[in-house]
């Protein structure tokens, strides 16, 4: 969605975009960073930098995010004698590396909290497969009392008032969701790991109704830097 700033103005909260809305019908889509800054003089550096790193200034898929950040800094240079005679436009910057793969997805998560790219877990799936770690899809066909290991982003942690301190956790990966039930004593033992990490590896026993009884919890560290949106108990 971030790549489509010009075509979806109502989906973004940047003040620059609000200021630009009445000009879109009159002038057409933005064609470059210079065009954006010229038509929206109210825009500031912080907003332009945020748009650059969110991929919203990738006009016609010709400008990658770091290049857009470079161009925006040039376009926002202060007026004055220092740059008065500088009419050169540096368009080729081979030392600026394009974001790819997980780095691109994490940039989305950090700036917009969503990504249309691959799920972060997909980037470490090959290594997880070697260790026998199941996907969420594979947990749907488990037999009762089967001992399994599953990994994913912890998107839900809940402890209903009627559940006698039993905690329910949902992990998300590139194939879907897996659900876990955690007894009070196990939760207390792994409280810090469960509450303080976005990505978890859980070992447990398959129960009825697609649930897995969590017995051991481990943080997935060193693989991801972006946080995930979660729905947690208070």
C-alpha atoms as a PDB file:
ATOM      1  CA  UNK A   1       0.000   0.000   0.000  1.00  0.00           C
ATOM      2  CA  UNK A   2       2.866   2.337   0.787  1.00  0.00           C
ATOM      3  CA  UNK A   3       4.093   2.064  -2.789  1.00  0.00           C
ATOM      4  CA  UNK A   4       0.782   3.601  -3.968  1.00  0.00           C
ATOM      5  CA  UNK A   5       0.829   6.948  -2.171  1.00  0.00           C
ATOM      6  CA  UNK A   6      -0.137   8.796  -5.335  1.00  0.00           C
ATOM      7  CA  UNK A   7      -3.114   6.556  -6.003  1.00  0.00           C
ATOM      8  CA  UNK A   8      -4.419   6.031  -2.483  1.00  0.00           C
ATOM      9  CA  UNK A   9      -4.163   9.404  -0.742  1.00  0.00           C
ATOM     10  CA  UNK A  10      -6.849   8.662   1.827  1.00  0.00           C
ATOM     11  CA  UNK A  11      -4.967   5.684   3.275  1.00  0.00           C
ATOM     12  CA  UNK A  12      -2.029   7.675   4.624  1.00  0.00           C
ATOM     13  CA  UNK A  13      -1.858   9.977   7.633  1.00  0.00           C
ATOM     14  CA  UNK A  14       1.110  12.130   6.633  1.00  0.00           C
ATOM     15  CA  UNK A  15       0.285  15.820   6.736  1.00  0.00           C
ATOM     16  CA  UNK A  16       2.081  16.194   3.410  1.00  0.00           C
ATOM     17  CA  UNK A  17      -0.461  13.965   1.770  1.00  0.00           C
ATOM     18  CA  UNK A  18      -3.369  15.844   3.330  1.00  0.00           C
ATOM     19  CA  UNK A  19      -1.950  19.057   1.956  1.00  0.00           C
ATOM     20  CA  UNK A  20      -1.493  17.458  -1.450  1.00  0.00           C
ATOM     21  CA  UNK A  21      -5.032  16.107  -1.846  1.00  0.00           C
ATOM     22  CA  UNK A  22      -6.614  19.211  -3.460  1.00  0.00           C
ATOM     23  CA  UNK A  23      -3.716  19.421  -5.923  1.00  0.00           C
ATOM     24  CA  UNK A  24      -3.973  15.867  -7.217  1.00  0.00           C
ATOM     25  CA  UNK A  25      -7.040  16.477  -9.361  1.00  0.00           C
ATOM     26  CA  UNK A  26      -5.543  19.682 -10.751  1.00  0.00           C
ATOM     27  CA  UNK A  27      -2.015  18.488 -11.518  1.00  0.00           C
ATOM     28  CA  UNK A  28      -2.135  14.713 -11.852  1.00  0.00           C
ATOM     29  CA  UNK A  29       0.006  12.156 -10.070  1.00  0.00           C
ATOM     30  CA  UNK A  30       3.353  13.079  -8.613  1.00  0.00           C
ATOM     31  CA  UNK A  31       6.156  12.264 -11.021  1.00  0.00           C
ATOM     32  CA  UNK A  32       9.254  12.776  -8.864  1.00  0.00           C
ATOM     33  CA  UNK A  33      10.463  13.857  -5.462  1.00  0.00           C
ATOM     34  CA  UNK A  34      11.147  17.350  -6.808  1.00  0.00           C
ATOM     35  CA  UNK A  35       7.570  17.466  -8.106  1.00  0.00           C
ATOM     36  CA  UNK A  36       6.205  16.444  -4.693  1.00  0.00           C
ATOM     37  CA  UNK A  37       8.216  19.085  -2.837  1.00  0.00           C
ATOM     38  CA  UNK A  38       7.325  21.786  -5.365  1.00  0.00           C
ATOM     39  CA  UNK A  39       3.599  21.082  -5.191  1.00  0.00           C
ATOM     40  CA  UNK A  40       3.506  20.504  -1.422  1.00  0.00           C
ATOM     41  CA  UNK A  41       5.688  23.238   0.108  1.00  0.00           C
ATOM     42  CA  UNK A  42       4.292  22.411   3.562  1.00  0.00           C
ATOM     43  CA  UNK A  43       6.114  19.082   3.614  1.00  0.00           C
ATOM     44  CA  UNK A  44       9.070  18.788   5.993  1.00  0.00           C
ATOM     45  CA  UNK A  45      12.214  16.668   6.122  1.00  0.00           C
ATOM     46  CA  UNK A  46      10.864  14.192   8.624  1.00  0.00           C
ATOM     47  CA  UNK A  47       7.841  13.443   6.468  1.00  0.00           C
ATOM     48  CA  UNK A  48       9.838  13.110   3.255  1.00  0.00           C
ATOM     49  CA  UNK A  49      12.319  10.774   4.934  1.00  0.00           C
ATOM     50  CA  UNK A  50       9.471   8.645   6.283  1.00  0.00           C
ATOM     51  CA  UNK A  51       7.859   8.463   2.840  1.00  0.00           C
ATOM     52  CA  UNK A  52      11.191   7.509   1.290  1.00  0.00           C
ATOM     53  CA  UNK A  53      11.871   4.655   3.688  1.00  0.00           C
ATOM     54  CA  UNK A  54       8.276   3.408   3.440  1.00  0.00           C
ATOM     55  CA  UNK A  55       8.639   2.998  -0.324  1.00  0.00           C
ATOM     56  CA  UNK A  56       6.023   5.638  -1.106  1.00  0.00           C
ATOM     57  CA  UNK A  57       8.381   7.642  -3.352  1.00  0.00           C
ATOM     58  CA  UNK A  58       9.180   4.769  -5.684  1.00  0.00           C
ATOM     59  CA  UNK A  59       7.809   6.507  -8.757  1.00  0.00           C
ATOM     60  CA  UNK A  60       7.069   4.039 -11.569  1.00  0.00           C
ATOM     61  CA  UNK A  61       9.245   1.467  -9.780  1.00  0.00           C
ATOM     62  CA  UNK A  62      12.410   3.290 -10.839  1.00  0.00           C
ATOM     63  CA  UNK A  63      13.563   4.660  -7.473  1.00  0.00           C
ATOM     64  CA  UNK A  64      14.388   2.285  -4.634  1.00  0.00           C
ATOM     65  CA  UNK A  65      14.040   3.436  -1.025  1.00  0.00           C
ATOM     66  CA  UNK A  66      17.613   4.373  -0.204  1.00  0.00           C
ATOM     67  CA  UNK A  67      17.949   6.155  -3.542  1.00  0.00           C
ATOM     68  CA  UNK A  68      14.717   8.032  -2.773  1.00  0.00           C
ATOM     69  CA  UNK A  69      16.163   9.075   0.585  1.00  0.00           C
ATOM     70  CA  UNK A  70      19.302  10.325  -1.177  1.00  0.00           C
ATOM     71  CA  UNK A  71      17.256  12.282  -3.740  1.00  0.00           C
ATOM     72  CA  UNK A  72      14.974  13.747  -1.093  1.00  0.00           C
ATOM     73  CA  UNK A  73      17.933  15.100   0.872  1.00  0.00           C
ATOM     74  CA  UNK A  74      19.209  16.803  -2.290  1.00  0.00           C
ATOM     75  CA  UNK A  75      15.775  18.204  -3.072  1.00  0.00           C
ATOM     76  CA  UNK A  76      15.370  19.587   0.441  1.00  0.00           C
ATOM     77  CA  UNK A  77      18.693  21.428   0.525  1.00  0.00           C
ATOM     78  CA  UNK A  78      18.261  24.931   1.928  1.00  0.00           C
ATOM     79  CA  UNK A  79      18.264  27.804  -0.525  1.00  0.00           C
ATOM     80  CA  UNK A  80      21.194  30.203  -0.355  1.00  0.00           C
ATOM     81  CA  UNK A  81      24.583  31.140  -1.765  1.00  0.00           C
ATOM     82  CA  UNK A  82      26.178  27.848  -0.779  1.00  0.00           C
ATOM     83  CA  UNK A  83      24.232  25.880  -3.386  1.00  0.00           C
ATOM     84  CA  UNK A  84      23.431  28.731  -5.774  1.00  0.00           C
ATOM     85  CA  UNK A  85      25.853  27.567  -8.479  1.00  0.00           C
ATOM     86  CA  UNK A  86      25.294  23.856  -7.987  1.00  0.00           C
ATOM     87  CA  UNK A  87      23.121  22.765 -10.882  1.00  0.00           C
ATOM     88  CA  UNK A  88      24.416  19.207 -11.043  1.00  0.00           C
ATOM     89  CA  UNK A  89      21.981  16.369 -10.481  1.00  0.00           C
ATOM     90  CA  UNK A  90      23.528  13.187  -9.131  1.00  0.00           C
ATOM     91  CA  UNK A  91      21.254  10.440 -10.391  1.00  0.00           C
ATOM     92  CA  UNK A  92      23.593   7.435 -10.269  1.00  0.00           C
ATOM     93  CA  UNK A  93      24.722   6.419  -6.792  1.00  0.00           C
ATOM     94  CA  UNK A  94      26.226   2.922  -7.114  1.00  0.00           C
ATOM     95  CA  UNK A  95      27.419   2.912  -3.511  1.00  0.00           C
ATOM     96  CA  UNK A  96      23.814   2.966  -2.242  1.00  0.00           C
ATOM     97  CA  UNK A  97      22.592  -0.606  -1.999  1.00  0.00           C
ATOM     98  CA  UNK A  98      18.975  -1.493  -2.778  1.00  0.00           C
ATOM     99  CA  UNK A  99      16.982  -3.130   0.036  1.00  0.00           C
ATOM    100  CA  UNK A 100      16.129  -6.747  -0.679  1.00  0.00           C
ATOM    101  CA  UNK A 101      14.411  -9.673   1.018  1.00  0.00           C
ATOM    102  CA  UNK A 102      14.036  -9.580   4.771  1.00  0.00           C
ATOM    103  CA  UNK A 103      15.599  -6.135   5.017  1.00  0.00           C
ATOM    104  CA  UNK A 104      12.831  -4.747   2.792  1.00  0.00           C
ATOM    105  CA  UNK A 105      10.077  -6.477   4.772  1.00  0.00           C
ATOM    106  CA  UNK A 106      11.466  -5.208   8.066  1.00  0.00           C
ATOM    107  CA  UNK A 107      11.643  -1.662   6.700  1.00  0.00           C
ATOM    108  CA  UNK A 108       7.920  -1.969   5.924  1.00  0.00           C
ATOM    109  CA  UNK A 109       7.137  -3.212   9.421  1.00  0.00           C
ATOM    110  CA  UNK A 110       9.157  -0.467  11.083  1.00  0.00           C
ATOM    111  CA  UNK A 111       7.657   2.360   9.034  1.00  0.00           C
ATOM    112  CA  UNK A 112       4.101   1.254   8.271  1.00  0.00           C
ATOM    113  CA  UNK A 113       3.626  -1.810  10.558  1.00  0.00           C
ATOM    114  CA  UNK A 114       2.462  -3.861   7.563  1.00  0.00           C
ATOM    115  CA  UNK A 115       4.164  -5.415   4.553  1.00  0.00           C
ATOM    116  CA  UNK A 116       2.950  -6.844   1.268  1.00  0.00           C
ATOM    117  CA  UNK A 117       6.159  -8.872   1.005  1.00  0.00           C
ATOM    118  CA  UNK A 118       6.942 -12.333   2.314  1.00  0.00           C
ATOM    119  CA  UNK A 119       6.320 -13.158   5.965  1.00  0.00           C
ATOM    120  CA  UNK A 120       9.513 -12.826   8.066  1.00  0.00           C
ATOM    121  CA  UNK A 121       9.339 -16.514   8.999  1.00  0.00           C
ATOM    122  CA  UNK A 122       9.658 -17.488   5.334  1.00  0.00           C
ATOM    123  CA  UNK A 123      13.233 -16.217   5.313  1.00  0.00           C
ATOM    124  CA  UNK A 124      14.356 -18.718   7.963  1.00  0.00           C
ATOM    125  CA  UNK A 125      12.081 -21.593   6.936  1.00  0.00           C
ATOM    126  CA  UNK A 126      14.815 -23.632   5.287  1.00  0.00           C
ATOM    127  CA  UNK A 127      16.825 -23.671   8.494  1.00  0.00           C
ATOM    128  CA  UNK A 128      13.725 -24.468  10.573  1.00  0.00           C
ATOM    129  CA  UNK A 129      12.855 -27.373   8.278  1.00  0.00           C
ATOM    130  CA  UNK A 130      16.275 -28.887   8.913  1.00  0.00           C
ATOM    131  CA  UNK A 131      15.527 -28.789  12.645  1.00  0.00           C
ATOM    132  CA  UNK A 132      12.111 -30.415  12.243  1.00  0.00           C
ATOM    133  CA  UNK A 133      10.156 -27.286  13.164  1.00  0.00           C
ATOM    134  CA  UNK A 134       6.606 -27.409  11.784  1.00  0.00           C
ATOM    135  CA  UNK A 135       4.673 -24.719   9.946  1.00  0.00           C
ATOM    136  CA  UNK A 136       1.256 -23.606  11.137  1.00  0.00           C
ATOM    137  CA  UNK A 137      -0.335 -25.486   8.241  1.00  0.00           C
ATOM    138  CA  UNK A 138       1.352 -28.720   9.295  1.00  0.00           C
ATOM    139  CA  UNK A 139      -0.065 -28.450  12.822  1.00  0.00           C
ATOM    140  CA  UNK A 140      -3.599 -28.838  11.473  1.00  0.00           C
ATOM    141  CA  UNK A 141      -3.049 -32.544  10.768  1.00  0.00           C
ATOM    142  CA  UNK A 142      -1.386 -33.548  14.030  1.00  0.00           C
ATOM    143  CA  UNK A 143      -2.388 -36.659  15.946  1.00  0.00           C
ATOM    144  CA  UNK A 144      -3.265 -36.432  19.623  1.00  0.00           C
ATOM    145  CA  UNK A 145      -0.387 -36.518  22.108  1.00  0.00           C
ATOM    146  CA  UNK A 146       2.181 -35.970  19.334  1.00  0.00           C
ATOM    147  CA  UNK A 147       5.269 -34.042  20.474  1.00  0.00           C
ATOM    148  CA  UNK A 148       5.997 -31.143  18.113  1.00  0.00           C
ATOM    149  CA  UNK A 149       7.997 -27.945  17.725  1.00  0.00           C
ATOM    150  CA  UNK A 150       6.509 -24.864  16.045  1.00  0.00           C
ATOM    151  CA  UNK A 151       7.880 -21.362  15.471  1.00  0.00           C
ATOM    152  CA  UNK A 152       6.356 -18.040  14.486  1.00  0.00           C
ATOM    153  CA  UNK A 153       5.504 -14.476  15.364  1.00  0.00           C
ATOM    154  CA  UNK A 154       3.535 -14.220  18.603  1.00  0.00           C
ATOM    155  CA  UNK A 155       0.537 -12.181  17.440  1.00  0.00           C
ATOM    156  CA  UNK A 156      -1.881 -12.987  20.269  1.00  0.00           C
ATOM    157  CA  UNK A 157      -1.365 -13.582  23.994  1.00  0.00           C
ATOM    158  CA  UNK A 158      -4.550 -13.770  26.030  1.00  0.00           C
ATOM    159  CA  UNK A 159      -5.636 -14.900  29.485  1.00  0.00           C
ATOM    160  CA  UNK A 160      -9.453 -14.904  29.760  1.00  0.00           C
ATOM    161  CA  UNK A 161     -10.851 -14.223  33.217  1.00  0.00           C
ATOM    162  CA  UNK A 162     -12.856 -17.445  33.043  1.00  0.00           C
ATOM    163  CA  UNK A 163      -9.849 -19.637  32.126  1.00  0.00           C
ATOM    164  CA  UNK A 164      -8.340 -19.931  35.641  1.00  0.00           C
ATOM    165  CA  UNK A 165      -5.053 -18.264  34.631  1.00  0.00           C
ATOM    166  CA  UNK A 166      -4.585 -20.455  31.565  1.00  0.00           C
ATOM    167  CA  UNK A 167      -2.853 -18.483  28.784  1.00  0.00           C
ATOM    168  CA  UNK A 168      -3.584 -18.850  25.062  1.00  0.00           C
ATOM    169  CA  UNK A 169      -0.975 -17.927  22.458  1.00  0.00           C
ATOM    170  CA  UNK A 170      -1.284 -17.679  18.676  1.00  0.00           C
ATOM    171  CA  UNK A 171       1.767 -17.878  16.442  1.00  0.00           C
ATOM    172  CA  UNK A 172       1.737 -16.646  12.862  1.00  0.00           C
ATOM    173  CA  UNK A 173       3.971 -17.735  10.007  1.00  0.00           C
ATOM    174  CA  UNK A 174       3.883 -17.685   6.201  1.00  0.00           C
ATOM    175  CA  UNK A 175       1.310 -20.535   6.125  1.00  0.00           C
ATOM    176  CA  UNK A 176      -1.190 -19.323   8.734  1.00  0.00           C
ATOM    177  CA  UNK A 177      -1.750 -19.559  12.480  1.00  0.00           C
ATOM    178  CA  UNK A 178      -1.113 -22.145  15.189  1.00  0.00           C
ATOM    179  CA  UNK A 179      -2.717 -22.043  18.633  1.00  0.00           C
ATOM    180  CA  UNK A 180      -1.265 -22.967  22.015  1.00  0.00           C
ATOM    181  CA  UNK A 181      -2.598 -23.415  25.512  1.00  0.00           C
ATOM    182  CA  UNK A 182      -0.206 -22.734  28.401  1.00  0.00           C
ATOM    183  CA  UNK A 183      -0.876 -23.945  31.919  1.00  0.00           C
ATOM    184  CA  UNK A 184      -0.287 -21.407  34.752  1.00  0.00           C
ATOM    185  CA  UNK A 185       2.816 -23.116  36.135  1.00  0.00           C
ATOM    186  CA  UNK A 186       4.454 -23.328  32.697  1.00  0.00           C
ATOM    187  CA  UNK A 187       3.589 -19.717  31.962  1.00  0.00           C
ATOM    188  CA  UNK A 188       5.201 -18.538  35.199  1.00  0.00           C
ATOM    189  CA  UNK A 189       8.321 -20.494  34.350  1.00  0.00           C
ATOM    190  CA  UNK A 190       8.634 -18.929  30.893  1.00  0.00           C
ATOM    191  CA  UNK A 191       6.907 -15.601  31.588  1.00  0.00           C
ATOM    192  CA  UNK A 192       9.841 -13.416  30.504  1.00  0.00           C
ATOM    193  CA  UNK A 193      10.439 -15.334  27.284  1.00  0.00           C
ATOM    194  CA  UNK A 194       6.753 -15.305  26.339  1.00  0.00           C
ATOM    195  CA  UNK A 195       6.105 -11.647  27.149  1.00  0.00           C
ATOM    196  CA  UNK A 196       9.320 -10.029  25.967  1.00  0.00           C
ATOM    197  CA  UNK A 197       9.891 -11.595  22.534  1.00  0.00           C
ATOM    198  CA  UNK A 198       8.044 -11.143  19.252  1.00  0.00           C
ATOM    199  CA  UNK A 199       9.177 -14.412  17.675  1.00  0.00           C
ATOM    200  CA  UNK A 200       8.958 -17.690  19.595  1.00  0.00           C
ATOM    201  CA  UNK A 201       9.851 -21.342  19.187  1.00  0.00           C
ATOM    202  CA  UNK A 202       7.445 -23.525  21.154  1.00  0.00           C
ATOM    203  CA  UNK A 203       7.660 -27.231  21.963  1.00  0.00           C
ATOM    204  CA  UNK A 204       4.509 -28.957  23.071  1.00  0.00           C
ATOM    205  CA  UNK A 205       2.012 -31.812  22.825  1.00  0.00           C
ATOM    206  CA  UNK A 206      -0.858 -31.838  20.323  1.00  0.00           C
ATOM    207  CA  UNK A 207      -4.257 -31.654  22.000  1.00  0.00           C
ATOM    208  CA  UNK A 208      -7.843 -31.735  20.756  1.00  0.00           C
ATOM    209  CA  UNK A 209      -9.476 -28.990  18.668  1.00  0.00           C
ATOM    210  CA  UNK A 210      -6.200 -28.037  16.980  1.00  0.00           C
ATOM    211  CA  UNK A 211      -4.567 -26.787  20.187  1.00  0.00           C
ATOM    212  CA  UNK A 212      -1.009 -27.530  21.250  1.00  0.00           C
ATOM    213  CA  UNK A 213      -0.159 -27.673  24.940  1.00  0.00           C
ATOM    214  CA  UNK A 214       2.958 -25.535  25.289  1.00  0.00           C
ATOM    215  CA  UNK A 215       5.707 -27.026  27.437  1.00  0.00           C
ATOM    216  CA  UNK A 216       8.894 -25.214  26.449  1.00  0.00           C
ATOM    217  CA  UNK A 217       9.412 -21.700  25.062  1.00  0.00           C
ATOM    218  CA  UNK A 218      12.466 -20.213  23.417  1.00  0.00           C
ATOM    219  CA  UNK A 219      13.032 -16.814  21.828  1.00  0.00           C
ATOM    220  CA  UNK A 220      14.121 -16.615  18.198  1.00  0.00           C
ATOM    221  CA  UNK A 221      16.960 -14.124  18.481  1.00  0.00           C
ATOM    222  CA  UNK A 222      19.354 -12.633  15.975  1.00  0.00           C
ATOM    223  CA  UNK A 223      17.106 -13.154  12.958  1.00  0.00           C
ATOM    224  CA  UNK A 224      14.718 -10.182  13.068  1.00  0.00           C
ATOM    225  CA  UNK A 225      14.932  -6.545  14.117  1.00  0.00           C
ATOM    226  CA  UNK A 226      11.365  -5.371  13.479  1.00  0.00           C
ATOM    227  CA  UNK A 227       8.553  -5.825  15.975  1.00  0.00           C
ATOM    228  CA  UNK A 228       5.170  -7.294  15.048  1.00  0.00           C
ATOM    229  CA  UNK A 229       1.685  -6.066  15.870  1.00  0.00           C
ATOM    230  CA  UNK A 230       0.287  -8.058  18.777  1.00  0.00           C
ATOM    231  CA  UNK A 231      -2.957  -8.337  20.725  1.00  0.00           C
ATOM    232  CA  UNK A 232      -1.964  -8.958  24.320  1.00  0.00           C
ATOM    233  CA  UNK A 233      -3.600  -9.331  27.686  1.00  0.00           C
ATOM    234  CA  UNK A 234      -3.162  -6.548  30.193  1.00  0.00           C
END
